[in-house]
Amino acid sequence: MTATKIKTHTVEINAKDYQVEGDHITLAQIRQLGNIPADHKVYHEVPQPVDDPEVTENDRIKLHKLEKFYSVSPSITGGRV
């Protein structure tokens, strides 16, 4: 019997690469991998001209290519960290 190989993807969180098993990632996984505090907002970087969407607790993001995420401190009102 052949074991099913779990696919891994590279994700970038705050400019650092991480390996993720499976085809999806959640906010909890992003926070854990990137050591992101609960009070920081997390955004999924997408091509312009669309604004980067905030990742919420209910999101389950399908991983295709190198997906990029970044966090923003509550003390910052705009821009990227």
C-alpha atoms as a PDB file:
ATOM      1  CA  MET A   1       0.000   0.000   0.000  1.00  0.00           C
ATOM      2  CA  THR A   2       1.317   3.442  -0.912  1.00  0.00           C
ATOM      3  CA  ALA A   3       1.103   6.184   1.691  1.00  0.00           C
ATOM      4  CA  THR A   4      -0.579   9.391   0.603  1.00  0.00           C
ATOM      5  CA  LYS A   5       1.968  12.184   0.434  1.00  0.00           C
ATOM      6  CA  ILE A   6       0.865  15.404   2.121  1.00  0.00           C
ATOM      7  CA  LYS A   7       1.607  18.403  -0.064  1.00  0.00           C
ATOM      8  CA  THR A   8       3.608  21.250   1.442  1.00  0.00           C
ATOM      9  CA  HIS A   9       3.476  24.921   0.475  1.00  0.00           C
ATOM     10  CA  THR A  10       5.720  27.848   1.261  1.00  0.00           C
ATOM     11  CA  VAL A  11       4.017  30.877   2.785  1.00  0.00           C
ATOM     12  CA  GLU A  12       5.619  34.196   3.610  1.00  0.00           C
ATOM     13  CA  ILE A  13       4.636  35.823   6.893  1.00  0.00           C
ATOM     14  CA  ASN A  14       6.140  39.223   7.685  1.00  0.00           C
ATOM     15  CA  ALA A  15       8.915  38.636   5.115  1.00  0.00           C
ATOM     16  CA  LYS A  16       9.917  35.212   6.490  1.00  0.00           C
ATOM     17  CA  ASP A  17       9.225  31.897   4.734  1.00  0.00           C
ATOM     18  CA  TYR A  18       7.462  28.979   6.429  1.00  0.00           C
ATOM     19  CA  GLN A  19       6.463  25.498   5.230  1.00  0.00           C
ATOM     20  CA  VAL A  20       2.802  24.512   5.630  1.00  0.00           C
ATOM     21  CA  GLU A  21       1.377  21.027   5.162  1.00  0.00           C
ATOM     22  CA  GLY A  22      -1.907  20.802   3.285  1.00  0.00           C
ATOM     23  CA  ASP A  23      -3.701  23.004   0.795  1.00  0.00           C
ATOM     24  CA  HIS A  24      -5.208  25.597   3.172  1.00  0.00           C
ATOM     25  CA  ILE A  25      -4.115  27.906   5.975  1.00  0.00           C
ATOM     26  CA  THR A  26      -6.102  29.599   8.733  1.00  0.00           C
ATOM     27  CA  LEU A  27      -5.597  32.735  10.776  1.00  0.00           C
ATOM     28  CA  ALA A  28      -4.655  30.615  13.800  1.00  0.00           C
ATOM     29  CA  GLN A  29      -1.918  28.872  11.784  1.00  0.00           C
ATOM     30  CA  ILE A  30      -0.592  32.188  10.447  1.00  0.00           C
ATOM     31  CA  ARG A  31      -0.472  33.655  13.959  1.00  0.00           C
ATOM     32  CA  GLN A  32       1.279  30.578  15.344  1.00  0.00           C
ATOM     33  CA  LEU A  33       3.878  30.321  12.558  1.00  0.00           C
ATOM     34  CA  GLY A  34       4.643  34.043  12.531  1.00  0.00           C
ATOM     35  CA  ASN A  35       4.408  34.473  16.310  1.00  0.00           C
ATOM     36  CA  ILE A  36       1.830  37.229  15.743  1.00  0.00           C
ATOM     37  CA  PRO A  37       0.050  38.681  18.804  1.00  0.00           C
ATOM     38  CA  ALA A  38      -3.740  38.351  18.965  1.00  0.00           C
ATOM     39  CA  ASP A  39      -4.263  42.134  18.886  1.00  0.00           C
ATOM     40  CA  HIS A  40      -2.478  42.523  15.523  1.00  0.00           C
ATOM     41  CA  LYS A  41      -4.456  42.439  12.293  1.00  0.00           C
ATOM     42  CA  VAL A  42      -3.273  40.015   9.616  1.00  0.00           C
ATOM     43  CA  TYR A  43      -3.570  40.743   5.889  1.00  0.00           C
ATOM     44  CA  HIS A  44      -3.268  38.542   2.809  1.00  0.00           C
ATOM     45  CA  GLU A  45      -1.091  40.296   0.240  1.00  0.00           C
ATOM     46  CA  VAL A  46      -2.736  40.227  -3.189  1.00  0.00           C
ATOM     47  CA  PRO A  47      -1.774  41.821  -6.517  1.00  0.00           C
ATOM     48  CA  GLN A  48      -2.641  45.475  -7.016  1.00  0.00           C
ATOM     49  CA  PRO A  49      -4.942  47.367  -7.549  1.00  0.00           C
ATOM     50  CA  VAL A  50      -7.050  45.416  -5.040  1.00  0.00           C
ATOM     51  CA  ASP A  51      -6.597  46.293  -1.353  1.00  0.00           C
ATOM     52  CA  ASP A  52      -5.118  43.464   0.707  1.00  0.00           C
ATOM     53  CA  PRO A  53      -7.956  41.717   2.553  1.00  0.00           C
ATOM     54  CA  GLU A  54      -7.810  41.203   6.301  1.00  0.00           C
ATOM     55  CA  VAL A  55      -7.653  37.545   7.315  1.00  0.00           C
ATOM     56  CA  THR A  56     -10.414  36.717   9.805  1.00  0.00           C
ATOM     57  CA  GLU A  57     -11.074  33.796  12.152  1.00  0.00           C
ATOM     58  CA  ASN A  58     -13.510  32.231   9.666  1.00  0.00           C
ATOM     59  CA  ASP A  59     -11.144  32.335   6.676  1.00  0.00           C
ATOM     60  CA  ARG A  60      -9.592  29.176   5.280  1.00  0.00           C
ATOM     61  CA  ILE A  61      -7.239  30.343   2.539  1.00  0.00           C
ATOM     62  CA  LYS A  62      -6.477  28.018  -0.371  1.00  0.00           C
ATOM     63  CA  LEU A  63      -2.728  27.835  -1.012  1.00  0.00           C
ATOM     64  CA  HIS A  64      -1.734  28.017  -4.687  1.00  0.00           C
ATOM     65  CA  LYS A  65       1.592  29.724  -5.102  1.00  0.00           C
ATOM     66  CA  LEU A  66       3.757  31.578  -2.612  1.00  0.00           C
ATOM     67  CA  GLU A  67       1.061  33.245  -0.546  1.00  0.00           C
ATOM     68  CA  LYS A  68       2.156  36.298   1.447  1.00  0.00           C
ATOM     69  CA  PHE A  69       0.756  37.557   4.733  1.00  0.00           C
ATOM     70  CA  TYR A  70       1.714  40.449   7.002  1.00  0.00           C
ATOM     71  CA  SER A  71       0.600  41.757  10.366  1.00  0.00           C
ATOM     72  CA  VAL A  72      -0.146  45.278  11.488  1.00  0.00           C
ATOM     73  CA  SER A  73       0.147  46.478  15.072  1.00  0.00           C
ATOM     74  CA  PRO A  74      -2.949  48.165  16.514  1.00  0.00           C
ATOM     75  CA  SER A  75      -0.814  51.290  17.020  1.00  0.00           C
ATOM     76  CA  ILE A  76      -0.340  51.625  13.238  1.00  0.00           C
ATOM     77  CA  THR A  77      -3.203  53.144  11.304  1.00  0.00           C
ATOM     78  CA  GLY A  78      -1.972  52.363   7.797  1.00  0.00           C
ATOM     79  CA  GLY A  79       0.818  50.817   5.769  1.00  0.00           C
ATOM     80  CA  ARG A  80       2.602  47.523   6.052  1.00  0.00           C
ATOM     81  CA  VAL A  81       4.874  46.190   8.724  1.00  0.00           C
END
